[in-house]
């Protein structure tokens, strides 16, 4: 008896198409937000301390109840909160899977630097008073 055979095997194509590479992971949205907000916090804090220095050097009264001192203090608190938000977004961006971490780490680094340097300047200013 003749044996039954399946269909003939299909020969490989003469010109194989190379596989397409996997697309590169996208940047983290939280990381980009962290970076932008950290830059805003850093520049805002720098400008706040610059304004405080100019006020002090120009002889404007800088007591506890003077409007200029109150506004500078509120600006420092606001920029500190902005930097803390950037820290939270940066940490969130670092923990996202399948995303690039560049902007998250940059935003986190800038925000932590801003918070720590602000705390250091405040401590230095309080020790000199």
PDB file of N, CA and C in Angstrom:
ATOM      1  N   UNK A   1       0.820  -1.177   0.000  1.00  0.00           N
ATOM      2  CA  UNK A   1       0.000   0.000   0.000  1.00  0.00           C
ATOM      3  C   UNK A   1       0.866   1.244   0.000  1.00  0.00           C
ATOM      4  N   UNK A   2       0.364   2.242  -0.639  1.00  0.00           N
ATOM      5  CA  UNK A   2       1.118   3.487  -0.690  1.00  0.00           C
ATOM      6  C   UNK A   2       0.843   4.303   0.563  1.00  0.00           C
ATOM      7  N   UNK A   3       1.895   4.872   1.027  1.00  0.00           N
ATOM      8  CA  UNK A   3       1.732   5.703   2.230  1.00  0.00           C
ATOM      9  C   UNK A   3       1.277   7.090   1.825  1.00  0.00           C
ATOM     10  N   UNK A   4       0.407   7.665   2.607  1.00  0.00           N
ATOM     11  CA  UNK A   4      -0.079   9.012   2.332  1.00  0.00           C
ATOM     12  C   UNK A   4       0.904  10.016   2.940  1.00  0.00           C
ATOM     13  N   UNK A   5       1.256  10.965   2.160  1.00  0.00           N
ATOM     14  CA  UNK A   5       2.138  12.021   2.658  1.00  0.00           C
ATOM     15  C   UNK A   5       1.386  13.337   2.638  1.00  0.00           C
ATOM     16  N   UNK A   6       1.779  14.218   3.553  1.00  0.00           N
ATOM     17  CA  UNK A   6       1.147  15.529   3.623  1.00  0.00           C
ATOM     18  C   UNK A   6       1.604  16.402   2.467  1.00  0.00           C
ATOM     19  N   UNK A   7       1.152  17.623   2.443  1.00  0.00           N
ATOM     20  CA  UNK A   7       1.559  18.522   1.368  1.00  0.00           C
ATOM     21  C   UNK A   7       3.070  18.752   1.411  1.00  0.00           C
ATOM     22  N   UNK A   8       3.599  19.103   0.288  1.00  0.00           N
ATOM     23  CA  UNK A   8       5.039  19.368   0.197  1.00  0.00           C
ATOM     24  C   UNK A   8       5.383  20.590   1.034  1.00  0.00           C
ATOM     25  N   UNK A   9       6.553  20.596   1.697  1.00  0.00           N
ATOM     26  CA  UNK A   9       6.924  21.760   2.508  1.00  0.00           C
ATOM     27  C   UNK A   9       7.117  22.987   1.638  1.00  0.00           C
ATOM     28  N   UNK A  10       6.785  24.124   2.193  1.00  0.00           N
ATOM     29  CA  UNK A  10       6.912  25.400   1.480  1.00  0.00           C
ATOM     30  C   UNK A  10       8.368  25.847   1.580  1.00  0.00           C
ATOM     31  N   UNK A  11       8.990  26.129   0.453  1.00  0.00           N
ATOM     32  CA  UNK A  11      10.387  26.569   0.516  1.00  0.00           C
ATOM     33  C   UNK A  11      10.484  27.968   1.115  1.00  0.00           C
ATOM     34  N   UNK A  12      11.603  28.295   1.779  1.00  0.00           N
ATOM     35  CA  UNK A  12      11.748  29.643   2.351  1.00  0.00           C
ATOM     36  C   UNK A  12      11.786  30.682   1.242  1.00  0.00           C
ATOM     37  N   UNK A  13      11.376  31.904   1.547  1.00  0.00           N
ATOM     38  CA  UNK A  13      11.388  32.940   0.510  1.00  0.00           C
ATOM     39  C   UNK A  13      12.818  33.219   0.063  1.00  0.00           C
ATOM     40  N   UNK A  14      12.922  33.638  -1.172  1.00  0.00           N
ATOM     41  CA  UNK A  14      14.255  33.888  -1.714  1.00  0.00           C
ATOM     42  C   UNK A  14      14.909  35.090  -1.045  1.00  0.00           C
ATOM     43  N   UNK A  15      14.137  36.108  -0.741  1.00  0.00           N
ATOM     44  CA  UNK A  15      14.664  37.297  -0.083  1.00  0.00           C
ATOM     45  C   UNK A  15      13.887  37.488   1.204  1.00  0.00           C
ATOM     46  N   UNK A  16      14.530  37.163   2.319  1.00  0.00           N
ATOM     47  CA  UNK A  16      13.851  37.281   3.605  1.00  0.00           C
ATOM     48  C   UNK A  16      13.751  38.750   4.002  1.00  0.00           C
ATOM     49  N   UNK A  17      12.621  39.145   4.535  1.00  0.00           N
ATOM     50  CA  UNK A  17      12.408  40.515   5.014  1.00  0.00           C
ATOM     51  C   UNK A  17      12.929  40.585   6.446  1.00  0.00           C
ATOM     52  N   UNK A  18      13.839  41.526   6.722  1.00  0.00           N
ATOM     53  CA  UNK A  18      14.345  41.610   8.096  1.00  0.00           C
ATOM     54  C   UNK A  18      13.230  42.064   9.035  1.00  0.00           C
ATOM     55  N   UNK A  19      13.248  41.566  10.252  1.00  0.00           N
ATOM     56  CA  UNK A  19      12.199  41.978  11.191  1.00  0.00           C
ATOM     57  C   UNK A  19      12.340  43.452  11.542  1.00  0.00           C
ATOM     58  N   UNK A  20      11.217  44.102  11.731  1.00  0.00           N
ATOM     59  CA  UNK A  20      11.254  45.513  12.110  1.00  0.00           C
ATOM     60  C   UNK A  20      11.627  45.619  13.581  1.00  0.00           C
ATOM     61  N   UNK A  21      12.494  46.568  13.914  1.00  0.00           N
ATOM     62  CA  UNK A  21      12.872  46.707  15.324  1.00  0.00           C
ATOM     63  C   UNK A  21      11.706  47.231  16.150  1.00  0.00           C
ATOM     64  N   UNK A  22      11.713  46.861  17.399  1.00  0.00           N
ATOM     65  CA  UNK A  22      10.654  47.330  18.306  1.00  0.00           C
ATOM     66  C   UNK A  22      10.809  48.832  18.502  1.00  0.00           C
ATOM     67  N   UNK A  23       9.711  49.558  18.575  1.00  0.00           N
ATOM     68  CA  UNK A  23       9.825  51.011  18.776  1.00  0.00           C
ATOM     69  C   UNK A  23      10.425  51.318  20.143  1.00  0.00           C
ATOM     70  N   UNK A  24      11.184  52.406  20.178  1.00  0.00           N
ATOM     71  CA  UNK A  24      11.808  52.818  21.441  1.00  0.00           C
ATOM     72  C   UNK A  24      10.720  53.250  22.416  1.00  0.00           C
ATOM     73  N   UNK A  25      10.917  52.986  23.699  1.00  0.00           N
ATOM     74  CA  UNK A  25       9.900  53.413  24.663  1.00  0.00           C
ATOM     75  C   UNK A  25       9.781  54.935  24.683  1.00  0.00           C
ATOM     76  N   UNK A  26       8.591  55.391  24.947  1.00  0.00           N
ATOM     77  CA  UNK A  26       8.324  56.825  24.979  1.00  0.00           C
ATOM     78  C   UNK A  26       8.741  57.405  26.316  1.00  0.00           C
ATOM     79  N   UNK A  27       8.919  58.715  26.342  1.00  0.00           N
ATOM     80  CA  UNK A  27       9.232  59.394  27.596  1.00  0.00           C
ATOM     81  C   UNK A  27       8.010  59.366  28.508  1.00  0.00           C
ATOM     82  N   UNK A  28       8.281  59.337  29.784  1.00  0.00           N
ATOM     83  CA  UNK A  28       7.217  59.315  30.769  1.00  0.00           C
ATOM     84  C   UNK A  28       6.546  60.686  30.844  1.00  0.00           C
ATOM     85  N   UNK A  29       5.234  60.704  30.777  1.00  0.00           N
ATOM     86  CA  UNK A  29       4.500  61.962  30.914  1.00  0.00           C
ATOM     87  C   UNK A  29       4.700  62.578  32.287  1.00  0.00           C
ATOM     88  N   UNK A  30       4.724  61.730  33.315  1.00  0.00           N
ATOM     89  CA  UNK A  30       4.995  62.232  34.664  1.00  0.00           C
ATOM     90  C   UNK A  30       6.400  62.806  34.757  1.00  0.00           C
ATOM     91  N   UNK A  31       7.346  62.187  34.063  1.00  0.00           N
ATOM     92  CA  UNK A  31       8.722  62.671  34.085  1.00  0.00           C
ATOM     93  C   UNK A  31       8.854  64.029  33.426  1.00  0.00           C
ATOM     94  N   UNK A  32       8.177  64.202  32.296  1.00  0.00           N
ATOM     95  CA  UNK A  32       8.221  65.497  31.617  1.00  0.00           C
ATOM     96  C   UNK A  32       7.576  66.568  32.484  1.00  0.00           C
ATOM     97  N   UNK A  33       6.451  66.243  33.094  1.00  0.00           N
ATOM     98  CA  UNK A  33       5.789  67.205  33.990  1.00  0.00           C
ATOM     99  C   UNK A  33       6.692  67.534  35.174  1.00  0.00           C
ATOM    100  N   UNK A  34       7.360  66.533  35.726  1.00  0.00           N
ATOM    101  CA  UNK A  34       8.275  66.758  36.842  1.00  0.00           C
ATOM    102  C   UNK A  34       9.406  67.693  36.435  1.00  0.00           C
ATOM    103  N   UNK A  35       9.958  67.468  35.257  1.00  0.00           N
ATOM    104  CA  UNK A  35      11.058  68.297  34.783  1.00  0.00           C
ATOM    105  C   UNK A  35      10.631  69.755  34.607  1.00  0.00           C
ATOM    106  N   UNK A  36       9.494  69.959  33.964  1.00  0.00           N
ATOM    107  CA  UNK A  36       9.014  71.327  33.714  1.00  0.00           C
ATOM    108  C   UNK A  36       8.682  72.028  35.037  1.00  0.00           C
ATOM    109  N   UNK A  37       7.986  71.333  35.921  1.00  0.00           N
ATOM    110  CA  UNK A  37       7.603  71.945  37.201  1.00  0.00           C
ATOM    111  C   UNK A  37       8.833  72.191  38.069  1.00  0.00           C
ATOM    112  N   UNK A  38       9.822  71.297  38.016  1.00  0.00           N
ATOM    113  CA  UNK A  38      11.053  71.501  38.777  1.00  0.00           C
ATOM    114  C   UNK A  38      11.807  72.725  38.277  1.00  0.00           C
ATOM    115  N   UNK A  39      11.830  72.917  36.966  1.00  0.00           N
ATOM    116  CA  UNK A  39      12.476  74.123  36.427  1.00  0.00           C
ATOM    117  C   UNK A  39      11.741  75.385  36.872  1.00  0.00           C
ATOM    118  N   UNK A  40      10.416  75.348  36.851  1.00  0.00           N
ATOM    119  CA  UNK A  40       9.638  76.507  37.308  1.00  0.00           C
ATOM    120  C   UNK A  40       9.931  76.781  38.780  1.00  0.00           C
ATOM    121  N   UNK A  41       9.975  75.725  39.595  1.00  0.00           N
ATOM    122  CA  UNK A  41      10.266  75.898  41.018  1.00  0.00           C
ATOM    123  C   UNK A  41      11.667  76.436  41.256  1.00  0.00           C
ATOM    124  N   UNK A  42      12.647  75.930  40.511  1.00  0.00           N
ATOM    125  CA  UNK A  42      14.029  76.383  40.684  1.00  0.00           C
ATOM    126  C   UNK A  42      14.180  77.847  40.294  1.00  0.00           C
ATOM    127  N   UNK A  43      13.666  78.202  39.121  1.00  0.00           N
ATOM    128  CA  UNK A  43      13.781  79.590  38.661  1.00  0.00           C
ATOM    129  C   UNK A  43      12.982  80.518  39.579  1.00  0.00           C
ATOM    130  N   UNK A  44      11.802  80.091  39.991  1.00  0.00           N
ATOM    131  CA  UNK A  44      11.000  80.910  40.903  1.00  0.00           C
ATOM    132  C   UNK A  44      11.677  81.117  42.241  1.00  0.00           C
ATOM    133  N   UNK A  45      12.290  80.076  42.769  1.00  0.00           N
ATOM    134  CA  UNK A  45      12.994  80.206  44.050  1.00  0.00           C
ATOM    135  C   UNK A  45      14.211  81.104  43.903  1.00  0.00           C
ATOM    136  N   UNK A  46      14.952  80.946  42.797  1.00  0.00           N
ATOM    137  CA  UNK A  46      16.111  81.798  42.559  1.00  0.00           C
ATOM    138  C   UNK A  46      15.693  83.263  42.476  1.00  0.00           C
ATOM    139  N   UNK A  47      14.622  83.542  41.737  1.00  0.00           N
ATOM    140  CA  UNK A  47      14.147  84.922  41.614  1.00  0.00           C
ATOM    141  C   UNK A  47      13.643  85.462  42.955  1.00  0.00           C
ATOM    142  N   UNK A  48      13.017  84.603  43.746  1.00  0.00           N
ATOM    143  CA  UNK A  48      12.538  85.035  45.062  1.00  0.00           C
ATOM    144  C   UNK A  48      13.698  85.443  45.967  1.00  0.00           C
ATOM    145  N   UNK A  49      14.746  84.629  45.993  1.00  0.00           N
ATOM    146  CA  UNK A  49      15.908  84.986  46.810  1.00  0.00           C
ATOM    147  C   UNK A  49      16.638  86.199  46.241  1.00  0.00           C
ATOM    148  N   UNK A  50      16.630  86.376  44.929  1.00  0.00           N
ATOM    149  CA  UNK A  50      17.237  87.560  44.330  1.00  0.00           C
ATOM    150  C   UNK A  50      16.458  88.810  44.731  1.00  0.00           C
ATOM    151  N   UNK A  51      15.144  88.729  44.699  1.00  0.00           N
ATOM    152  CA  UNK A  51      14.321  89.874  45.116  1.00  0.00           C
ATOM    153  C   UNK A  51      14.539  90.168  46.597  1.00  0.00           C
ATOM    154  N   UNK A  52      14.633  89.139  47.419  1.00  0.00           N
ATOM    155  CA  UNK A  52      14.877  89.344  48.852  1.00  0.00           C
ATOM    156  C   UNK A  52      16.217  90.021  49.072  1.00  0.00           C
ATOM    157  N   UNK A  53      17.238  89.630  48.317  1.00  0.00           N
ATOM    158  CA  UNK A  53      18.548  90.267  48.445  1.00  0.00           C
ATOM    159  C   UNK A  53      18.533  91.718  48.011  1.00  0.00           C
ATOM    160  N   UNK A  54      17.817  92.003  46.922  1.00  0.00           N
ATOM    161  CA  UNK A  54      17.716  93.390  46.448  1.00  0.00           C
ATOM    162  C   UNK A  54      16.962  94.241  47.467  1.00  0.00           C
ATOM    163  N   UNK A  55      15.882  93.701  48.031  1.00  0.00           N
ATOM    164  CA  UNK A  55      15.130  94.445  49.047  1.00  0.00           C
ATOM    165  C   UNK A  55      16.003  94.737  50.265  1.00  0.00           C
ATOM    166  N   UNK A  56      16.765  93.763  50.680  1.00  0.00           N
ATOM    167  CA  UNK A  56      17.634  93.933  51.851  1.00  0.00           C
ATOM    168  C   UNK A  56      18.721  94.968  51.567  1.00  0.00           C
ATOM    169  N   UNK A  57      19.319  94.914  50.370  1.00  0.00           N
ATOM    170  CA  UNK A  57      20.406  95.834  50.030  1.00  0.00           C
ATOM    171  C   UNK A  57      19.908  97.252  49.788  1.00  0.00           C
ATOM    172  N   UNK A  58      18.661  97.410  49.359  1.00  0.00           N
ATOM    173  CA  UNK A  58      18.151  98.746  49.055  1.00  0.00           C
ATOM    174  C   UNK A  58      17.614  99.476  50.280  1.00  0.00           C
ATOM    175  N   UNK A  59      17.586  98.809  51.417  1.00  0.00           N
ATOM    176  CA  UNK A  59      17.165  99.479  52.640  1.00  0.00           C
ATOM    177  C   UNK A  59      15.678  99.419  52.911  1.00  0.00           C
ATOM    178  N   UNK A  60      14.939  98.623  52.180  1.00  0.00           N
ATOM    179  CA  UNK A  60      13.514  98.462  52.443  1.00  0.00           C
ATOM    180  C   UNK A  60      13.366  97.753  53.794  1.00  0.00           C
ATOM    181  N   UNK A  61      12.471  98.230  54.654  1.00  0.00           N
ATOM    182  CA  UNK A  61      12.300  97.569  55.949  1.00  0.00           C
ATOM    183  C   UNK A  61      11.903  96.102  55.771  1.00  0.00           C
ATOM    184  N   UNK A  62      12.552  95.232  56.514  1.00  0.00           N
ATOM    185  CA  UNK A  62      12.309  93.801  56.369  1.00  0.00           C
ATOM    186  C   UNK A  62      11.974  93.173  57.714  1.00  0.00           C
ATOM    187  N   UNK A  63      11.012  93.731  58.392  1.00  0.00           N
ATOM    188  CA  UNK A  63      10.578  93.161  59.663  1.00  0.00           C
ATOM    189  C   UNK A  63       9.562  92.054  59.449  1.00  0.00           C
ATOM    190  N   UNK A  64       9.094  91.486  60.551  1.00  0.00           N
ATOM    191  CA  UNK A  64       8.160  90.370  60.480  1.00  0.00           C
ATOM    192  C   UNK A  64       6.800  90.788  59.936  1.00  0.00           C
ATOM    193  N   UNK A  65       6.431  92.059  60.065  1.00  0.00           N
ATOM    194  CA  UNK A  65       5.096  92.505  59.642  1.00  0.00           C
ATOM    195  C   UNK A  65       5.139  93.421  58.430  1.00  0.00           C
ATOM    196  N   UNK A  66       6.268  93.529  57.769  1.00  0.00           N
ATOM    197  CA  UNK A  66       6.369  94.362  56.578  1.00  0.00           C
ATOM    198  C   UNK A  66       5.829  93.601  55.367  1.00  0.00           C
ATOM    199  N   UNK A  67       5.080  94.287  54.495  1.00  0.00           N
ATOM    200  CA  UNK A  67       4.467  93.605  53.350  1.00  0.00           C
ATOM    201  C   UNK A  67       5.488  92.940  52.428  1.00  0.00           C
ATOM    202  N   UNK A  68       6.645  93.563  52.239  1.00  0.00           N
ATOM    203  CA  UNK A  68       7.651  92.972  51.352  1.00  0.00           C
ATOM    204  C   UNK A  68       8.146  91.645  51.915  1.00  0.00           C
ATOM    205  N   UNK A  69       8.376  91.595  53.205  1.00  0.00           N
ATOM    206  CA  UNK A  69       8.848  90.356  53.828  1.00  0.00           C
ATOM    207  C   UNK A  69       7.775  89.269  53.775  1.00  0.00           C
ATOM    208  N   UNK A  70       6.534  89.668  53.961  1.00  0.00           N
ATOM    209  CA  UNK A  70       5.445  88.694  53.901  1.00  0.00           C
ATOM    210  C   UNK A  70       5.332  88.106  52.493  1.00  0.00           C
ATOM    211  N   UNK A  71       5.428  88.952  51.463  1.00  0.00           N
ATOM    212  CA  UNK A  71       5.346  88.464  50.086  1.00  0.00           C
ATOM    213  C   UNK A  71       6.517  87.549  49.741  1.00  0.00           C
ATOM    214  N   UNK A  72       7.712  87.905  50.203  1.00  0.00           N
ATOM    215  CA  UNK A  72       8.872  87.041  49.943  1.00  0.00           C
ATOM    216  C   UNK A  72       8.681  85.700  50.649  1.00  0.00           C
ATOM    217  N   UNK A  73       8.204  85.719  51.873  1.00  0.00           N
ATOM    218  CA  UNK A  73       7.961  84.474  52.603  1.00  0.00           C
ATOM    219  C   UNK A  73       6.914  83.606  51.929  1.00  0.00           C
ATOM    220  N   UNK A  74       5.842  84.221  51.455  1.00  0.00           N
ATOM    221  CA  UNK A  74       4.811  83.461  50.740  1.00  0.00           C
ATOM    222  C   UNK A  74       5.343  82.880  49.432  1.00  0.00           C
ATOM    223  N   UNK A  75       6.195  83.648  48.748  1.00  0.00           N
ATOM    224  CA  UNK A  75       6.782  83.145  47.499  1.00  0.00           C
ATOM    225  C   UNK A  75       7.705  81.954  47.773  1.00  0.00           C
ATOM    226  N   UNK A  76       8.464  82.010  48.867  1.00  0.00           N
ATOM    227  CA  UNK A  76       9.331  80.880  49.219  1.00  0.00           C
ATOM    228  C   UNK A  76       8.485  79.647  49.524  1.00  0.00           C
ATOM    229  N   UNK A  77       7.403  79.826  50.265  1.00  0.00           N
ATOM    230  CA  UNK A  77       6.523  78.688  50.577  1.00  0.00           C
ATOM    231  C   UNK A  77       5.897  78.127  49.302  1.00  0.00           C
ATOM    232  N   UNK A  78       5.417  78.995  48.419  1.00  0.00           N
ATOM    233  CA  UNK A  78       4.796  78.552  47.173  1.00  0.00           C
ATOM    234  C   UNK A  78       5.788  77.793  46.296  1.00  0.00           C
ATOM    235  N   UNK A  79       6.992  78.332  46.126  1.00  0.00           N
ATOM    236  CA  UNK A  79       7.988  77.666  45.288  1.00  0.00           C
ATOM    237  C   UNK A  79       8.465  76.361  45.932  1.00  0.00           C
ATOM    238  N   UNK A  80       8.471  76.313  47.260  1.00  0.00           N
ATOM    239  CA  UNK A  80       8.803  75.066  47.941  1.00  0.00           C
ATOM    240  C   UNK A  80       7.753  73.998  47.684  1.00  0.00           C
ATOM    241  N   UNK A  81       6.493  74.390  47.701  1.00  0.00           N
ATOM    242  CA  UNK A  81       5.420  73.440  47.396  1.00  0.00           C
ATOM    243  C   UNK A  81       5.473  72.975  45.941  1.00  0.00           C
ATOM    244  N   UNK A  82       5.788  73.893  45.048  1.00  0.00           N
ATOM    245  CA  UNK A  82       5.930  73.527  43.636  1.00  0.00           C
ATOM    246  C   UNK A  82       7.054  72.504  43.482  1.00  0.00           C
ATOM    247  N   UNK A  83       8.157  72.716  44.178  1.00  0.00           N
ATOM    248  CA  UNK A  83       9.273  71.774  44.092  1.00  0.00           C
ATOM    249  C   UNK A  83       8.914  70.426  44.696  1.00  0.00           C
ATOM    250  N   UNK A  84       8.140  70.420  45.767  1.00  0.00           N
ATOM    251  CA  UNK A  84       7.722  69.149  46.356  1.00  0.00           C
ATOM    252  C   UNK A  84       6.782  68.382  45.428  1.00  0.00           C
ATOM    253  N   UNK A  85       5.946  69.098  44.702  1.00  0.00           N
ATOM    254  CA  UNK A  85       5.089  68.448  43.703  1.00  0.00           C
ATOM    255  C   UNK A  85       5.959  67.829  42.608  1.00  0.00           C
ATOM    256  N   UNK A  86       7.008  68.549  42.205  1.00  0.00           N
ATOM    257  CA  UNK A  86       7.915  68.012  41.191  1.00  0.00           C
ATOM    258  C   UNK A  86       8.635  66.765  41.694  1.00  0.00           C
ATOM    259  N   UNK A  87       8.966  66.725  42.990  1.00  0.00           N
ATOM    260  CA  UNK A  87       9.587  65.526  43.564  1.00  0.00           C
ATOM    261  C   UNK A  87       8.629  64.342  43.445  1.00  0.00           C
ATOM    262  N   UNK A  88       7.371  64.546  43.806  1.00  0.00           N
ATOM    263  CA  UNK A  88       6.390  63.472  43.719  1.00  0.00           C
ATOM    264  C   UNK A  88       6.180  62.985  42.301  1.00  0.00           C
ATOM    265  N   UNK A  89       6.109  63.902  41.349  1.00  0.00           N
ATOM    266  CA  UNK A  89       5.948  63.498  39.951  1.00  0.00           C
ATOM    267  C   UNK A  89       7.186  62.771  39.438  1.00  0.00           C
ATOM    268  N   UNK A  90       8.371  63.217  39.872  1.00  0.00           N
ATOM    269  CA  UNK A  90       9.600  62.554  39.453  1.00  0.00           C
ATOM    270  C   UNK A  90       9.684  61.130  39.966  1.00  0.00           C
ATOM    271  N   UNK A  91       9.305  60.926  41.217  1.00  0.00           N
ATOM    272  CA  UNK A  91       9.297  59.569  41.773  1.00  0.00           C
ATOM    273  C   UNK A  91       8.278  58.706  41.030  1.00  0.00           C
ATOM    274  N   UNK A  92       7.120  59.265  40.755  1.00  0.00           N
ATOM    275  CA  UNK A  92       6.110  58.527  39.990  1.00  0.00           C
ATOM    276  C   UNK A  92       6.595  58.174  38.595  1.00  0.00           C
ATOM    277  N   UNK A  93       7.304  59.103  37.946  1.00  0.00           N
ATOM    278  CA  UNK A  93       7.845  58.837  36.619  1.00  0.00           C
ATOM    279  C   UNK A  93       8.919  57.770  36.621  1.00  0.00           C
ATOM    280  N   UNK A  94       9.691  57.693  37.693  1.00  0.00           N
ATOM    281  CA  UNK A  94      10.724  56.655  37.779  1.00  0.00           C
ATOM    282  C   UNK A  94      10.131  55.269  37.930  1.00  0.00           C
ATOM    283  N   UNK A  95       8.944  55.157  38.505  1.00  0.00           N
ATOM    284  CA  UNK A  95       8.332  53.855  38.724  1.00  0.00           C
ATOM    285  C   UNK A  95       7.406  53.416  37.596  1.00  0.00           C
ATOM    286  N   UNK A  96       7.259  54.211  36.545  1.00  0.00           N
ATOM    287  CA  UNK A  96       6.462  53.791  35.401  1.00  0.00           C
ATOM    288  C   UNK A  96       7.237  52.753  34.595  1.00  0.00           C
ATOM    289  N   UNK A  97       6.579  51.679  34.243  1.00  0.00           N
ATOM    290  CA  UNK A  97       7.250  50.638  33.472  1.00  0.00           C
ATOM    291  C   UNK A  97       7.073  50.896  31.979  1.00  0.00           C
ATOM    292  N   UNK A  98       8.067  50.519  31.216  1.00  0.00           N
ATOM    293  CA  UNK A  98       7.999  50.665  29.775  1.00  0.00           C
ATOM    294  C   UNK A  98       8.157  52.090  29.291  1.00  0.00           C
ATOM    295  N   UNK A  99       8.671  52.957  30.114  1.00  0.00           N
ATOM    296  CA  UNK A  99       8.859  54.358  29.735  1.00  0.00           C
ATOM    297  C   UNK A  99      10.310  54.754  29.982  1.00  0.00           C
ATOM    298  N   UNK A 100      10.763  55.771  29.271  1.00  0.00           N
ATOM    299  CA  UNK A 100      12.112  56.279  29.491  1.00  0.00           C
ATOM    300  C   UNK A 100      12.122  57.115  30.759  1.00  0.00           C
ATOM    301  N   UNK A 101      13.243  57.118  31.448  1.00  0.00           N
ATOM    302  CA  UNK A 101      13.321  57.725  32.774  1.00  0.00           C
ATOM    303  C   UNK A 101      14.150  59.013  32.812  1.00  0.00           C
ATOM    304  N   UNK A 102      14.585  59.520  31.660  1.00  0.00           N
ATOM    305  CA  UNK A 102      15.486  60.666  31.635  1.00  0.00           C
ATOM    306  C   UNK A 102      14.868  61.894  32.289  1.00  0.00           C
ATOM    307  N   UNK A 103      13.708  62.308  31.840  1.00  0.00           N
ATOM    308  CA  UNK A 103      13.104  63.528  32.370  1.00  0.00           C
ATOM    309  C   UNK A 103      12.656  63.355  33.816  1.00  0.00           C
ATOM    310  N   UNK A 104      12.253  62.153  34.180  1.00  0.00           N
ATOM    311  CA  UNK A 104      11.863  61.910  35.568  1.00  0.00           C
ATOM    312  C   UNK A 104      13.060  62.081  36.498  1.00  0.00           C
ATOM    313  N   UNK A 105      14.211  61.547  36.105  1.00  0.00           N
ATOM    314  CA  UNK A 105      15.385  61.674  36.967  1.00  0.00           C
ATOM    315  C   UNK A 105      15.916  63.102  36.976  1.00  0.00           C
ATOM    316  N   UNK A 106      15.872  63.784  35.838  1.00  0.00           N
ATOM    317  CA  UNK A 106      16.293  65.193  35.817  1.00  0.00           C
ATOM    318  C   UNK A 106      15.373  66.061  36.674  1.00  0.00           C
ATOM    319  N   UNK A 107      14.074  65.868  36.524  1.00  0.00           N
ATOM    320  CA  UNK A 107      13.120  66.636  37.324  1.00  0.00           C
ATOM    321  C   UNK A 107      13.276  66.370  38.809  1.00  0.00           C
ATOM    322  N   UNK A 108      13.468  65.094  39.154  1.00  0.00           N
ATOM    323  CA  UNK A 108      13.665  64.746  40.562  1.00  0.00           C
ATOM    324  C   UNK A 108      14.945  65.363  41.102  1.00  0.00           C
ATOM    325  N   UNK A 109      16.010  65.311  40.332  1.00  0.00           N
ATOM    326  CA  UNK A 109      17.278  65.891  40.783  1.00  0.00           C
ATOM    327  C   UNK A 109      17.196  67.395  40.977  1.00  0.00           C
ATOM    328  N   UNK A 110      16.601  68.097  40.037  1.00  0.00           N
ATOM    329  CA  UNK A 110      16.472  69.552  40.152  1.00  0.00           C
ATOM    330  C   UNK A 110      15.583  69.918  41.334  1.00  0.00           C
ATOM    331  N   UNK A 111      14.486  69.206  41.510  1.00  0.00           N
ATOM    332  CA  UNK A 111      13.551  69.517  42.596  1.00  0.00           C
ATOM    333  C   UNK A 111      14.181  69.238  43.962  1.00  0.00           C
ATOM    334  N   UNK A 112      14.879  68.117  44.090  1.00  0.00           N
ATOM    335  CA  UNK A 112      15.531  67.809  45.374  1.00  0.00           C
ATOM    336  C   UNK A 112      16.619  68.839  45.664  1.00  0.00           C
ATOM    337  N   UNK A 113      17.391  69.223  44.629  1.00  0.00           N
ATOM    338  CA  UNK A 113      18.404  70.264  44.823  1.00  0.00           C
ATOM    339  C   UNK A 113      17.764  71.568  45.287  1.00  0.00           C
ATOM    340  N   UNK A 114      16.645  71.935  44.685  1.00  0.00           N
ATOM    341  CA  UNK A 114      15.961  73.173  45.059  1.00  0.00           C
ATOM    342  C   UNK A 114      15.486  73.122  46.507  1.00  0.00           C
ATOM    343  N   UNK A 115      14.881  72.022  46.900  1.00  0.00           N
ATOM    344  CA  UNK A 115      14.361  71.896  48.267  1.00  0.00           C
ATOM    345  C   UNK A 115      15.505  71.921  49.282  1.00  0.00           C
ATOM    346  N   UNK A 116      16.562  71.158  49.012  1.00  0.00           N
ATOM    347  CA  UNK A 116      17.668  71.096  49.972  1.00  0.00           C
ATOM    348  C   UNK A 116      18.444  72.409  50.044  1.00  0.00           C
ATOM    349  N   UNK A 117      18.674  73.053  48.905  1.00  0.00           N
ATOM    350  CA  UNK A 117      19.404  74.323  48.943  1.00  0.00           C
ATOM    351  C   UNK A 117      18.562  75.414  49.596  1.00  0.00           C
ATOM    352  N   UNK A 118      17.257  75.396  49.387  1.00  0.00           N
ATOM    353  CA  UNK A 118      16.392  76.370  50.056  1.00  0.00           C
ATOM    354  C   UNK A 118      16.405  76.162  51.560  1.00  0.00           C
ATOM    355  N   UNK A 119      16.307  74.916  51.983  1.00  0.00           N
ATOM    356  CA  UNK A 119      16.367  74.625  53.421  1.00  0.00           C
ATOM    357  C   UNK A 119      17.707  75.059  54.001  1.00  0.00           C
ATOM    358  N   UNK A 120      18.786  74.809  53.266  1.00  0.00           N
ATOM    359  CA  UNK A 120      20.098  75.238  53.739  1.00  0.00           C
ATOM    360  C   UNK A 120      20.221  76.746  53.843  1.00  0.00           C
ATOM    361  N   UNK A 121      19.706  77.470  52.863  1.00  0.00           N
ATOM    362  CA  UNK A 121      19.757  78.937  52.917  1.00  0.00           C
ATOM    363  C   UNK A 121      18.901  79.491  54.047  1.00  0.00           C
ATOM    364  N   UNK A 122      17.766  78.879  54.292  1.00  0.00           N
ATOM    365  CA  UNK A 122      16.914  79.332  55.388  1.00  0.00           C
ATOM    366  C   UNK A 122      17.600  79.079  56.725  1.00  0.00           C
ATOM    367  N   UNK A 123      18.216  77.921  56.894  1.00  0.00           N
ATOM    368  CA  UNK A 123      18.942  77.620  58.131  1.00  0.00           C
ATOM    369  C   UNK A 123      20.104  78.563  58.297  1.00  0.00           C
ATOM    370  N   UNK A 124      20.844  78.832  57.223  1.00  0.00           N
ATOM    371  CA  UNK A 124      21.965  79.771  57.296  1.00  0.00           C
ATOM    372  C   UNK A 124      21.485  81.170  57.666  1.00  0.00           C
ATOM    373  N   UNK A 125      20.384  81.600  57.081  1.00  0.00           N
ATOM    374  CA  UNK A 125      19.850  82.922  57.417  1.00  0.00           C
ATOM    375  C   UNK A 125      19.362  83.026  58.846  1.00  0.00           C
ATOM    376  N   UNK A 126      18.767  81.950  59.360  1.00  0.00           N
ATOM    377  CA  UNK A 126      18.285  81.978  60.738  1.00  0.00           C
ATOM    378  C   UNK A 126      19.444  81.957  61.720  1.00  0.00           C
ATOM    379  N   UNK A 127      20.534  81.308  61.361  1.00  0.00           N
ATOM    380  CA  UNK A 127      21.678  81.253  62.289  1.00  0.00           C
ATOM    381  C   UNK A 127      22.416  82.582  62.347  1.00  0.00           C
ATOM    382  N   UNK A 128      22.317  83.390  61.322  1.00  0.00           N
ATOM    383  CA  UNK A 128      23.000  84.697  61.299  1.00  0.00           C
ATOM    384  C   UNK A 128      22.163  85.795  61.932  1.00  0.00           C
ATOM    385  N   UNK A 129      20.898  85.571  62.167  1.00  0.00           N
ATOM    386  CA  UNK A 129      20.032  86.624  62.737  1.00  0.00           C
ATOM    387  C   UNK A 129      20.239  86.764  64.210  1.00  0.00           C
TER     388      UNK A 129
END
